[in-house]
Amino acid sequence: MVRRYHLYLAVVLDLFARRVVGWAVSSHPDADLVVKALDHAWGQRGQPDKVMLDSDQGSQYASRMFRQRLWRYRMQQSMSRRGNCWVNAPMERLFRSLKSEWVPTMGYRDLPEAKKDIGDYLMGYYNHHRPHSYNGGIASAMAEEKPKSLSGIS
């Protein structure tokens, strides 16, 4: 008998080039999940400060644990207003792509398999190979590097 359960995914997306900079998977949609995704993003980006993080109004993002982490990292939070689907469109597009292009129809056997496969998609295929119409048909990692080569910033 196959056991069915839900997995929850939290992603931090850099809107400049639509690049995934942090993510976490859990069997619970709690504050710990979004804090892990934020920690991953903060580390991946070299521990920046004075960053604006936009989120929806989910209880995880309004939790004391998440807000304290934002304070520690010197990030400012912006929450989209209730019912404003346009602000969250890039994230919803990413989730649609993940589900339609990558996740097996029968799902995953267990959490470790899901974490590995989803990580391969987000940090590998999605960032480095998948063309994005927002970026003129190039992958987000390439689009992010393009302005640096044009401006001379390295």
N, C-alpha and C. Protein backbone atom coordinates (compact mmCIF):
# COMPACT_ATOMS: atom_id res chain seq x y z
N MET A 1 0.84 -1.19 0.00
CA MET A 1 0.00 0.00 0.00
C MET A 1 0.88 1.25 0.00
N VAL A 2 0.55 2.20 -0.83
CA VAL A 2 1.30 3.45 -0.94
C VAL A 2 0.70 4.48 0.01
N ARG A 3 1.54 5.05 0.83
CA ARG A 3 1.09 6.08 1.77
C ARG A 3 1.10 7.43 1.05
N ARG A 4 0.01 8.13 1.10
CA ARG A 4 -0.10 9.45 0.48
C ARG A 4 -0.01 10.53 1.55
N TYR A 5 0.80 11.52 1.30
CA TYR A 5 0.88 12.67 2.19
C TYR A 5 1.27 13.88 1.36
N HIS A 6 1.04 15.04 1.93
CA HIS A 6 1.35 16.28 1.23
C HIS A 6 2.72 16.80 1.66
N LEU A 7 3.39 17.40 0.70
CA LEU A 7 4.63 18.11 0.97
C LEU A 7 4.38 19.58 0.69
N TYR A 8 5.02 20.43 1.44
CA TYR A 8 4.87 21.87 1.28
C TYR A 8 6.21 22.46 0.87
N LEU A 9 6.16 23.37 -0.06
CA LEU A 9 7.36 24.00 -0.61
C LEU A 9 7.29 25.51 -0.39
N ALA A 10 8.37 26.06 0.13
CA ALA A 10 8.51 27.51 0.26
C ALA A 10 9.71 27.91 -0.60
N VAL A 11 9.55 28.96 -1.39
CA VAL A 11 10.59 29.40 -2.30
C VAL A 11 10.82 30.91 -2.13
N VAL A 12 12.07 31.31 -2.20
CA VAL A 12 12.41 32.74 -2.24
C VAL A 12 12.92 33.00 -3.66
N LEU A 13 12.25 33.91 -4.33
CA LEU A 13 12.52 34.21 -5.73
C LEU A 13 13.03 35.65 -5.85
N ASP A 14 14.18 35.82 -6.48
CA ASP A 14 14.69 37.16 -6.76
C ASP A 14 13.96 37.66 -8.00
N LEU A 15 13.19 38.70 -7.85
CA LEU A 15 12.35 39.16 -8.96
C LEU A 15 13.13 39.84 -10.09
N PHE A 16 14.38 40.22 -9.84
CA PHE A 16 15.16 40.88 -10.89
C PHE A 16 15.24 40.01 -12.15
N ALA A 17 15.60 38.75 -11.97
CA ALA A 17 15.72 37.85 -13.13
C ALA A 17 14.90 36.57 -12.94
N ARG A 18 14.02 36.57 -11.92
CA ARG A 18 13.19 35.39 -11.61
C ARG A 18 14.04 34.18 -11.21
N ARG A 19 15.10 34.43 -10.47
CA ARG A 19 16.00 33.35 -10.04
C ARG A 19 15.62 32.85 -8.66
N VAL A 20 15.57 31.53 -8.51
CA VAL A 20 15.32 30.93 -7.21
C VAL A 20 16.60 31.08 -6.39
N VAL A 21 16.50 31.72 -5.22
CA VAL A 21 17.68 31.91 -4.38
C VAL A 21 17.59 31.16 -3.06
N GLY A 22 16.43 30.61 -2.75
CA GLY A 22 16.27 29.82 -1.54
C GLY A 22 15.00 29.00 -1.60
N TRP A 23 15.02 27.87 -0.91
CA TRP A 23 13.84 27.02 -0.90
C TRP A 23 13.93 26.04 0.27
N ALA A 24 12.79 25.48 0.63
CA ALA A 24 12.72 24.44 1.66
C ALA A 24 11.46 23.62 1.42
N VAL A 25 11.53 22.35 1.79
CA VAL A 25 10.40 21.43 1.68
C VAL A 25 10.14 20.85 3.06
N SER A 26 8.87 20.66 3.39
CA SER A 26 8.51 20.09 4.68
C SER A 26 7.18 19.36 4.58
N SER A 27 6.89 18.55 5.55
CA SER A 27 5.58 17.90 5.61
C SER A 27 4.58 18.77 6.36
N HIS A 28 5.04 19.95 6.84
CA HIS A 28 4.15 20.87 7.56
C HIS A 28 4.31 22.29 7.01
N PRO A 29 3.17 22.98 6.77
CA PRO A 29 3.24 24.36 6.25
C PRO A 29 3.33 25.38 7.38
N ASP A 30 4.41 25.32 8.12
CA ASP A 30 4.53 26.18 9.30
C ASP A 30 5.63 27.23 9.14
N ALA A 31 5.82 28.03 10.18
CA ALA A 31 6.81 29.09 10.14
C ALA A 31 8.22 28.55 9.95
N ASP A 32 8.49 27.38 10.49
CA ASP A 32 9.82 26.78 10.34
C ASP A 32 10.16 26.57 8.86
N LEU A 33 9.18 26.19 8.06
CA LEU A 33 9.38 25.98 6.62
C LEU A 33 9.85 27.26 5.93
N VAL A 34 9.15 28.36 6.16
CA VAL A 34 9.50 29.61 5.47
C VAL A 34 10.80 30.21 6.02
N VAL A 35 11.09 29.98 7.30
CA VAL A 35 12.35 30.44 7.87
C VAL A 35 13.51 29.69 7.23
N LYS A 36 13.36 28.38 7.02
CA LYS A 36 14.41 27.60 6.37
C LYS A 36 14.66 28.10 4.94
N ALA A 37 13.59 28.41 4.22
CA ALA A 37 13.75 28.95 2.86
C ALA A 37 14.46 30.30 2.89
N LEU A 38 14.10 31.14 3.85
CA LEU A 38 14.74 32.45 3.99
C LEU A 38 16.22 32.29 4.37
N ASP A 39 16.52 31.39 5.29
CA ASP A 39 17.91 31.15 5.69
C ASP A 39 18.74 30.70 4.48
N HIS A 40 18.17 29.81 3.68
CA HIS A 40 18.86 29.33 2.48
C HIS A 40 19.15 30.49 1.53
N ALA A 41 18.15 31.32 1.29
CA ALA A 41 18.31 32.46 0.38
C ALA A 41 19.36 33.44 0.91
N TRP A 42 19.30 33.73 2.19
CA TRP A 42 20.23 34.68 2.80
C TRP A 42 21.66 34.19 2.65
N GLY A 43 21.87 32.91 2.88
CA GLY A 43 23.20 32.33 2.72
C GLY A 43 23.66 32.30 1.27
N GLN A 44 22.75 31.95 0.36
CA GLN A 44 23.08 31.88 -1.06
C GLN A 44 23.48 33.25 -1.62
N ARG A 45 22.88 34.28 -1.08
CA ARG A 45 23.12 35.63 -1.58
C ARG A 45 24.23 36.36 -0.83
N GLY A 46 24.98 35.65 0.00
CA GLY A 46 26.11 36.28 0.68
C GLY A 46 25.73 37.14 1.86
N GLN A 47 24.64 36.80 2.52
CA GLN A 47 24.17 37.49 3.73
C GLN A 47 23.96 38.99 3.53
N PRO A 48 23.16 39.35 2.54
CA PRO A 48 22.93 40.78 2.28
C PRO A 48 22.05 41.42 3.35
N ASP A 49 22.13 42.71 3.47
CA ASP A 49 21.18 43.43 4.32
C ASP A 49 20.49 44.49 3.49
N LYS A 50 19.53 45.17 4.08
CA LYS A 50 18.74 46.19 3.38
C LYS A 50 18.05 45.61 2.15
N VAL A 51 17.42 44.45 2.35
CA VAL A 51 16.71 43.76 1.29
C VAL A 51 15.21 43.87 1.56
N MET A 52 14.43 44.00 0.50
CA MET A 52 12.97 44.00 0.61
C MET A 52 12.49 42.61 0.25
N LEU A 53 11.69 42.01 1.13
CA LEU A 53 11.12 40.69 0.87
C LEU A 53 9.61 40.82 0.80
N ASP A 54 9.04 40.46 -0.33
CA ASP A 54 7.59 40.52 -0.49
C ASP A 54 7.01 39.14 -0.24
N SER A 55 5.91 39.07 0.47
CA SER A 55 5.25 37.80 0.74
C SER A 55 3.74 38.00 0.71
N ASP A 56 3.04 36.87 0.71
CA ASP A 56 1.59 36.98 0.86
C ASP A 56 1.27 37.12 2.35
N GLN A 57 0.00 37.07 2.70
CA GLN A 57 -0.40 37.30 4.08
C GLN A 57 -0.59 36.00 4.86
N GLY A 58 0.05 34.93 4.42
CA GLY A 58 -0.06 33.66 5.13
C GLY A 58 0.44 33.78 6.56
N SER A 59 -0.12 32.95 7.44
CA SER A 59 0.24 33.03 8.86
C SER A 59 1.73 32.74 9.08
N GLN A 60 2.33 31.94 8.21
CA GLN A 60 3.76 31.63 8.35
C GLN A 60 4.59 32.91 8.20
N TYR A 61 4.20 33.77 7.28
CA TYR A 61 4.96 34.99 7.00
C TYR A 61 4.66 36.09 8.02
N ALA A 62 3.57 35.95 8.74
CA ALA A 62 3.22 36.92 9.77
C ALA A 62 3.66 36.44 11.15
N SER A 63 4.23 35.25 11.22
CA SER A 63 4.61 34.66 12.51
C SER A 63 5.76 35.43 13.16
N ARG A 64 5.81 35.34 14.46
CA ARG A 64 6.89 35.98 15.21
C ARG A 64 8.25 35.42 14.78
N MET A 65 8.33 34.11 14.59
CA MET A 65 9.59 33.47 14.21
C MET A 65 10.13 34.04 12.88
N PHE A 66 9.26 34.18 11.90
CA PHE A 66 9.69 34.70 10.60
C PHE A 66 10.07 36.17 10.69
N ARG A 67 9.25 36.96 11.39
CA ARG A 67 9.54 38.39 11.52
C ARG A 67 10.83 38.64 12.29
N GLN A 68 11.12 37.80 13.28
CA GLN A 68 12.38 37.94 14.01
C GLN A 68 13.57 37.63 13.11
N ARG A 69 13.42 36.65 12.24
CA ARG A 69 14.51 36.32 11.32
C ARG A 69 14.75 37.47 10.34
N LEU A 70 13.66 38.07 9.84
CA LEU A 70 13.80 39.23 8.97
C LEU A 70 14.55 40.36 9.69
N TRP A 71 14.19 40.58 10.95
CA TRP A 71 14.84 41.63 11.73
C TRP A 71 16.33 41.32 11.88
N ARG A 72 16.67 40.06 12.18
CA ARG A 72 18.08 39.67 12.34
C ARG A 72 18.86 39.91 11.06
N TYR A 73 18.22 39.63 9.91
CA TYR A 73 18.90 39.79 8.63
C TYR A 73 18.78 41.21 8.07
N ARG A 74 18.15 42.11 8.82
CA ARG A 74 17.96 43.50 8.40
C ARG A 74 17.19 43.60 7.08
N MET A 75 16.16 42.79 6.98
CA MET A 75 15.30 42.80 5.79
C MET A 75 13.98 43.47 6.13
N GLN A 76 13.43 44.13 5.15
CA GLN A 76 12.13 44.77 5.32
C GLN A 76 11.09 43.90 4.63
N GLN A 77 9.97 43.69 5.28
CA GLN A 77 8.92 42.86 4.70
C GLN A 77 7.82 43.72 4.10
N SER A 78 7.38 43.29 2.94
CA SER A 78 6.24 43.90 2.28
C SER A 78 5.22 42.78 2.05
N MET A 79 4.00 43.00 2.47
CA MET A 79 2.96 41.99 2.25
C MET A 79 1.97 42.53 1.24
N SER A 80 1.71 41.70 0.23
CA SER A 80 0.72 42.12 -0.76
C SER A 80 -0.65 42.15 -0.10
N ARG A 81 -1.50 43.04 -0.60
CA ARG A 81 -2.82 43.14 -0.02
C ARG A 81 -3.65 41.93 -0.37
N ARG A 82 -4.60 41.64 0.45
CA ARG A 82 -5.47 40.49 0.28
C ARG A 82 -6.16 40.53 -1.09
N GLY A 83 -6.11 39.40 -1.79
CA GLY A 83 -6.80 39.29 -3.07
C GLY A 83 -6.03 39.85 -4.26
N ASN A 84 -4.80 40.33 -4.06
CA ASN A 84 -4.01 40.87 -5.16
C ASN A 84 -3.16 39.77 -5.78
N CYS A 85 -3.71 39.11 -6.78
CA CYS A 85 -3.03 37.96 -7.37
C CYS A 85 -1.86 38.37 -8.26
N TRP A 86 -1.82 39.61 -8.73
CA TRP A 86 -0.77 40.03 -9.67
C TRP A 86 0.61 40.08 -9.02
N VAL A 87 0.66 40.45 -7.76
CA VAL A 87 1.94 40.54 -7.06
C VAL A 87 2.59 39.16 -6.95
N ASN A 88 1.78 38.14 -6.76
CA ASN A 88 2.29 36.79 -6.55
C ASN A 88 2.41 35.99 -7.85
N ALA A 89 2.14 36.61 -8.98
CA ALA A 89 2.14 35.89 -10.26
C ALA A 89 3.46 35.20 -10.59
N PRO A 90 4.63 35.82 -10.38
CA PRO A 90 5.88 35.11 -10.69
C PRO A 90 6.05 33.82 -9.88
N MET A 91 5.64 33.85 -8.61
CA MET A 91 5.75 32.65 -7.77
C MET A 91 4.76 31.58 -8.22
N GLU A 92 3.55 31.99 -8.54
CA GLU A 92 2.56 31.02 -9.02
C GLU A 92 3.01 30.40 -10.33
N ARG A 93 3.66 31.18 -11.18
CA ARG A 93 4.18 30.66 -12.46
C ARG A 93 5.27 29.63 -12.21
N LEU A 94 6.14 29.90 -11.26
CA LEU A 94 7.18 28.94 -10.92
C LEU A 94 6.57 27.63 -10.43
N PHE A 95 5.57 27.70 -9.55
CA PHE A 95 4.93 26.49 -9.04
C PHE A 95 4.24 25.72 -10.16
N ARG A 96 3.61 26.44 -11.07
CA ARG A 96 2.96 25.76 -12.21
C ARG A 96 3.99 25.04 -13.06
N SER A 97 5.11 25.70 -13.34
CA SER A 97 6.17 25.07 -14.13
C SER A 97 6.71 23.84 -13.44
N LEU A 98 6.96 23.93 -12.15
CA LEU A 98 7.47 22.79 -11.39
C LEU A 98 6.52 21.60 -11.49
N LYS A 99 5.24 21.86 -11.26
CA LYS A 99 4.25 20.77 -11.28
C LYS A 99 4.06 20.18 -12.67
N SER A 100 4.02 21.02 -13.69
CA SER A 100 3.72 20.52 -15.04
C SER A 100 4.95 19.98 -15.77
N GLU A 101 6.14 20.47 -15.44
CA GLU A 101 7.34 20.07 -16.17
C GLU A 101 8.19 19.02 -15.44
N TRP A 102 8.03 18.89 -14.14
CA TRP A 102 9.04 18.14 -13.41
C TRP A 102 8.49 17.08 -12.45
N VAL A 103 7.56 17.45 -11.59
CA VAL A 103 7.10 16.52 -10.56
C VAL A 103 6.43 15.30 -11.20
N PRO A 104 6.84 14.09 -10.80
CA PRO A 104 6.23 12.88 -11.37
C PRO A 104 4.73 12.82 -11.08
N THR A 105 3.99 12.30 -12.01
CA THR A 105 2.52 12.23 -11.86
C THR A 105 2.11 11.46 -10.61
N MET A 106 2.86 10.45 -10.28
CA MET A 106 2.53 9.63 -9.10
C MET A 106 3.16 10.20 -7.83
N GLY A 107 3.84 11.32 -7.91
CA GLY A 107 4.45 11.93 -6.74
C GLY A 107 5.77 11.27 -6.37
N TYR A 108 6.20 11.50 -5.16
CA TYR A 108 7.48 10.98 -4.67
C TYR A 108 7.25 9.90 -3.62
N ARG A 109 8.23 9.01 -3.49
CA ARG A 109 8.13 7.93 -2.50
C ARG A 109 8.27 8.45 -1.08
N ASP A 110 9.18 9.42 -0.91
CA ASP A 110 9.43 9.92 0.45
C ASP A 110 10.01 11.33 0.39
N LEU A 111 10.16 11.92 1.56
CA LEU A 111 10.65 13.29 1.66
C LEU A 111 12.07 13.47 1.11
N PRO A 112 13.02 12.58 1.41
CA PRO A 112 14.36 12.76 0.86
C PRO A 112 14.39 12.75 -0.68
N GLU A 113 13.60 11.87 -1.30
CA GLU A 113 13.54 11.83 -2.76
C GLU A 113 12.96 13.13 -3.30
N ALA A 114 11.91 13.63 -2.67
CA ALA A 114 11.28 14.88 -3.11
C ALA A 114 12.26 16.04 -2.98
N LYS A 115 12.95 16.13 -1.85
CA LYS A 115 13.91 17.23 -1.63
C LYS A 115 15.00 17.23 -2.69
N LYS A 116 15.55 16.08 -2.98
CA LYS A 116 16.62 16.01 -3.97
C LYS A 116 16.12 16.41 -5.35
N ASP A 117 15.00 15.86 -5.76
CA ASP A 117 14.48 16.12 -7.10
C ASP A 117 14.02 17.57 -7.26
N ILE A 118 13.34 18.10 -6.29
CA ILE A 118 12.87 19.49 -6.35
C ILE A 118 14.06 20.45 -6.32
N GLY A 119 15.07 20.12 -5.52
CA GLY A 119 16.29 20.94 -5.48
C GLY A 119 17.00 20.94 -6.82
N ASP A 120 17.06 19.76 -7.48
CA ASP A 120 17.67 19.68 -8.81
C ASP A 120 16.93 20.58 -9.80
N TYR A 121 15.61 20.60 -9.70
CA TYR A 121 14.82 21.44 -10.61
C TYR A 121 15.05 22.93 -10.33
N LEU A 122 14.86 23.32 -9.07
CA LEU A 122 14.91 24.75 -8.73
C LEU A 122 16.30 25.36 -8.92
N MET A 123 17.31 24.72 -8.33
CA MET A 123 18.64 25.31 -8.33
C MET A 123 19.44 24.93 -9.58
N GLY A 124 19.01 23.89 -10.26
CA GLY A 124 19.70 23.45 -11.47
C GLY A 124 18.95 23.86 -12.72
N TYR A 125 17.95 23.07 -13.08
CA TYR A 125 17.24 23.28 -14.34
C TYR A 125 16.56 24.66 -14.41
N TYR A 126 15.77 25.01 -13.41
CA TYR A 126 15.01 26.26 -13.48
C TYR A 126 15.92 27.49 -13.57
N ASN A 127 16.96 27.51 -12.76
CA ASN A 127 17.86 28.68 -12.75
C ASN A 127 18.84 28.73 -13.92
N HIS A 128 19.30 27.57 -14.38
CA HIS A 128 20.40 27.56 -15.34
C HIS A 128 20.06 27.11 -16.75
N HIS A 129 18.92 26.47 -16.93
CA HIS A 129 18.61 25.94 -18.26
C HIS A 129 17.25 26.36 -18.81
N ARG A 130 16.27 26.54 -17.95
CA ARG A 130 14.92 26.82 -18.41
C ARG A 130 14.81 28.24 -18.96
N PRO A 131 14.40 28.38 -20.22
CA PRO A 131 14.23 29.73 -20.78
C PRO A 131 13.03 30.43 -20.12
N HIS A 132 13.18 31.71 -19.86
CA HIS A 132 12.11 32.51 -19.26
C HIS A 132 11.72 33.62 -20.22
N SER A 133 10.46 33.72 -20.52
CA SER A 133 10.01 34.79 -21.41
C SER A 133 10.30 36.16 -20.79
N TYR A 134 10.23 36.27 -19.47
CA TYR A 134 10.52 37.52 -18.78
C TYR A 134 11.95 38.00 -19.07
N ASN A 135 12.86 37.05 -19.27
CA ASN A 135 14.27 37.36 -19.52
C ASN A 135 14.63 37.29 -21.00
N GLY A 136 13.66 37.43 -21.85
CA GLY A 136 13.94 37.39 -23.28
C GLY A 136 14.35 36.01 -23.78
N GLY A 137 13.86 34.98 -23.10
CA GLY A 137 14.11 33.61 -23.54
C GLY A 137 15.40 32.99 -23.01
N ILE A 138 16.05 33.64 -22.06
CA ILE A 138 17.26 33.03 -21.50
C ILE A 138 17.01 32.65 -20.03
N ALA A 139 17.84 31.75 -19.54
CA ALA A 139 17.70 31.27 -18.16
C ALA A 139 17.98 32.40 -17.17
N SER A 140 17.38 32.30 -15.99
CA SER A 140 17.50 33.38 -15.00
C SER A 140 18.94 33.62 -14.55
N ALA A 141 19.74 32.58 -14.40
CA ALA A 141 21.14 32.77 -13.99
C ALA A 141 21.91 33.56 -15.04
N MET A 142 21.64 33.28 -16.30
CA MET A 142 22.31 34.02 -17.39
C MET A 142 21.82 35.46 -17.43
N ALA A 143 20.54 35.67 -17.24
CA ALA A 143 19.98 37.03 -17.26
C ALA A 143 20.54 37.87 -16.11
N GLU A 144 20.77 37.23 -15.00
CA GLU A 144 21.32 37.94 -13.85
C GLU A 144 22.77 38.37 -14.11
N GLU A 145 23.53 37.59 -14.83
CA GLU A 145 24.91 37.91 -15.14
C GLU A 145 25.05 38.93 -16.27
N LYS A 146 24.06 38.97 -17.15
CA LYS A 146 24.14 39.84 -18.33
C LYS A 146 24.38 41.32 -17.99
N PRO A 147 23.63 41.91 -17.05
CA PRO A 147 23.88 43.32 -16.75
C PRO A 147 25.29 43.57 -16.22
N LYS A 148 25.84 42.60 -15.48
CA LYS A 148 27.18 42.76 -14.94
C LYS A 148 28.20 42.85 -16.06
N SER A 149 28.03 42.03 -17.08
CA SER A 149 28.99 42.06 -18.19
C SER A 149 28.85 43.35 -19.00
N LEU A 150 27.66 43.88 -19.07
CA LEU A 150 27.45 45.13 -19.81
C LEU A 150 27.95 46.34 -19.05
N SER A 151 27.77 46.31 -17.71
CA SER A 151 28.15 47.48 -16.92
C SER A 151 29.59 47.45 -16.45
N GLY A 152 30.22 46.28 -16.56
CA GLY A 152 31.61 46.17 -16.10
C GLY A 152 31.72 45.82 -14.64
N ILE A 153 30.58 45.62 -13.95
CA ILE A 153 30.59 45.24 -12.53
C ILE A 153 30.85 43.75 -12.45
N SER A 154 31.74 43.33 -11.57
CA SER A 154 31.98 41.88 -11.44
C SER A 154 31.75 41.39 -10.04
